[in-house]
Amino acid sequence: MLRVTKERIFIAESSPMAKNKAQEAHLAMYNVRRPTFLALGQGELGDLRYFTPEELRNIIVEAGASKVDMKLVDVDMPHHLAYFPLDEIRKIGEKAVRDDLEGRWRKALKMLDEYGEKHPPVIVLNAWK
């Protein structure tokens, strides 16, 4: 979520940090998505990775913010958007890459089955010019 006004910007973004096994499961599956699409030559279709609070702060400061207020909020809610079909990974031509991503996918799926899937903490950022 992003809101911008003339003097202020507000961002609420998922973080790459896990506080429990269900959040780790979400991140394990989510982190297989982008490398899969890149390996397929379709980087424009894959999600970006989640940025750390430090990376978000640096982006905002580089864009011209003079004041940044940031906090991490644990939303404690289910999050089922990371999953995607194994069929996408099986389309990868390079065997070593395909095998690595399939192994990561299978491990992530096992984690999802065992722990469920929870939304990782959200970075809430307010910045001013």
Protein backbone atom coordinates (compact mmCIF):
# COMPACT_ATOMS: atom_id res chain seq x y z
CA MET A 1 0.00 0.00 0.00
CA LEU A 2 1.34 3.41 -0.96
CA ARG A 3 -0.11 6.87 -0.44
CA VAL A 4 1.62 10.01 -1.65
CA THR A 5 0.79 13.69 -1.14
CA LYS A 6 2.77 16.79 -2.01
CA GLU A 7 4.61 16.80 1.32
CA ARG A 8 4.24 13.28 2.66
CA ILE A 9 4.41 9.59 1.71
CA PHE A 10 2.91 6.62 3.55
CA ILE A 11 3.96 3.02 2.82
CA ALA A 12 2.75 -0.21 4.42
CA GLU A 13 4.78 -3.12 3.08
CA SER A 14 5.32 -6.73 4.05
CA SER A 15 8.72 -7.40 5.59
CA PRO A 16 11.12 -10.28 4.96
CA MET A 17 11.32 -11.06 8.67
CA ALA A 18 9.56 -13.91 10.44
CA LYS A 19 8.64 -14.11 14.11
CA ASN A 20 7.15 -17.62 13.97
CA LYS A 21 7.11 -20.80 11.88
CA ALA A 22 3.94 -19.86 9.96
CA GLN A 23 5.57 -16.61 8.84
CA GLU A 24 8.72 -18.54 7.93
CA ALA A 25 6.57 -20.87 5.82
CA HIS A 26 5.05 -17.93 3.95
CA LEU A 27 8.47 -16.41 3.27
CA ALA A 28 9.95 -19.76 2.18
CA MET A 29 7.30 -20.14 -0.54
CA TYR A 30 7.22 -16.45 -1.46
CA ASN A 31 11.00 -16.38 -1.93
CA VAL A 32 10.80 -19.06 -4.64
CA ARG A 33 8.50 -16.97 -6.85
CA ARG A 34 10.85 -14.29 -8.19
CA PRO A 35 13.79 -16.62 -8.95
CA THR A 36 11.38 -18.86 -10.85
CA PHE A 37 10.11 -16.06 -13.08
CA LEU A 38 13.65 -14.75 -13.61
CA ALA A 39 14.81 -18.24 -14.64
CA LEU A 40 11.92 -18.35 -17.12
CA GLY A 41 12.97 -14.99 -18.58
CA GLN A 42 9.76 -13.43 -17.31
CA GLY A 43 11.06 -11.18 -14.54
CA GLU A 44 8.31 -8.64 -15.22
CA LEU A 45 5.73 -11.23 -14.09
CA GLY A 46 7.35 -12.15 -10.80
CA ASP A 47 6.90 -10.33 -7.54
CA LEU A 48 9.68 -8.22 -6.10
CA ARG A 49 11.24 -9.50 -2.94
CA TYR A 50 10.21 -7.92 0.35
CA PHE A 51 12.50 -5.03 1.30
CA THR A 52 13.99 -4.75 4.79
CA PRO A 53 13.17 -1.66 6.88
CA GLU A 54 16.70 -0.37 6.26
CA GLU A 55 16.34 -0.77 2.49
CA LEU A 56 12.98 1.02 2.49
CA ARG A 57 14.42 3.85 4.60
CA ASN A 58 17.36 4.21 2.19
CA ILE A 59 15.05 4.33 -0.84
CA ILE A 60 12.89 7.02 0.78
CA VAL A 61 15.87 9.12 1.89
CA GLU A 62 17.45 8.81 -1.57
CA ALA A 63 14.16 10.04 -3.04
CA GLY A 64 14.42 13.21 -0.93
CA ALA A 65 12.75 12.57 2.42
CA SER A 66 14.11 14.65 5.28
CA LYS A 67 12.20 12.88 8.06
CA VAL A 68 11.26 9.20 8.23
CA ASP A 69 9.15 7.52 10.90
CA MET A 70 9.02 3.73 10.72
CA LYS A 71 7.62 0.91 12.81
CA LEU A 72 7.13 -2.83 12.43
CA VAL A 73 3.60 -4.13 13.03
CA ASP A 74 2.77 -7.81 13.50
CA VAL A 75 -0.69 -8.15 11.91
CA ASP A 76 -1.24 -11.74 13.11
CA MET A 77 -3.42 -12.80 10.21
CA PRO A 78 -3.45 -15.60 7.63
CA HIS A 79 -1.73 -14.88 4.33
CA HIS A 80 -2.22 -17.32 1.46
CA LEU A 81 -0.77 -15.40 -1.48
CA ALA A 82 2.71 -16.94 -1.62
CA TYR A 83 1.71 -20.31 -3.11
CA PHE A 84 2.11 -20.90 -6.82
CA PRO A 85 2.05 -24.07 -8.93
CA LEU A 86 5.06 -26.34 -9.18
CA ASP A 87 4.29 -26.48 -12.92
CA GLU A 88 5.93 -23.05 -13.30
CA ILE A 89 9.21 -24.34 -11.89
CA ARG A 90 9.07 -27.41 -14.12
CA LYS A 91 9.11 -25.11 -17.19
CA ILE A 92 12.66 -23.95 -16.35
CA GLY A 93 15.12 -25.24 -18.95
CA GLU A 94 18.30 -25.25 -16.88
CA LYS A 95 18.24 -28.47 -14.86
CA ALA A 96 20.38 -27.29 -11.93
CA VAL A 97 18.24 -24.18 -11.43
CA ARG A 98 15.03 -26.17 -11.87
CA ASP A 99 16.12 -28.83 -9.37
CA ASP A 100 17.23 -26.24 -6.80
CA LEU A 101 13.96 -24.29 -7.03
CA GLU A 102 11.85 -27.46 -6.96
CA GLY A 103 13.68 -28.56 -3.81
CA ARG A 104 13.07 -25.17 -2.19
CA TRP A 105 9.41 -25.30 -3.29
CA ARG A 106 8.90 -28.78 -1.79
CA LYS A 107 10.51 -27.71 1.49
CA ALA A 108 8.29 -24.59 1.58
CA LEU A 109 5.17 -26.64 0.83
CA LYS A 110 6.01 -29.00 3.69
CA MET A 111 6.37 -25.97 5.99
CA LEU A 112 3.00 -24.60 4.82
CA ASP A 113 1.37 -27.97 5.51
CA GLU A 114 2.98 -28.23 8.94
CA TYR A 115 2.73 -24.65 10.23
CA GLY A 116 0.12 -22.92 8.09
CA GLU A 117 0.79 -19.53 6.58
CA LYS A 118 0.78 -16.20 8.39
CA HIS A 119 1.47 -12.71 7.14
CA PRO A 120 4.97 -11.52 8.10
CA PRO A 121 5.28 -8.27 10.06
CA VAL A 122 4.40 -5.13 8.10
CA ILE A 123 6.70 -2.13 7.82
CA VAL A 124 4.70 1.07 8.29
CA LEU A 125 6.63 4.07 7.02
CA ASN A 126 5.74 7.77 7.09
CA ALA A 127 8.10 10.20 5.41
CA TRP A 128 8.11 13.94 4.85
CA LYS A 129 10.03 16.19 2.45
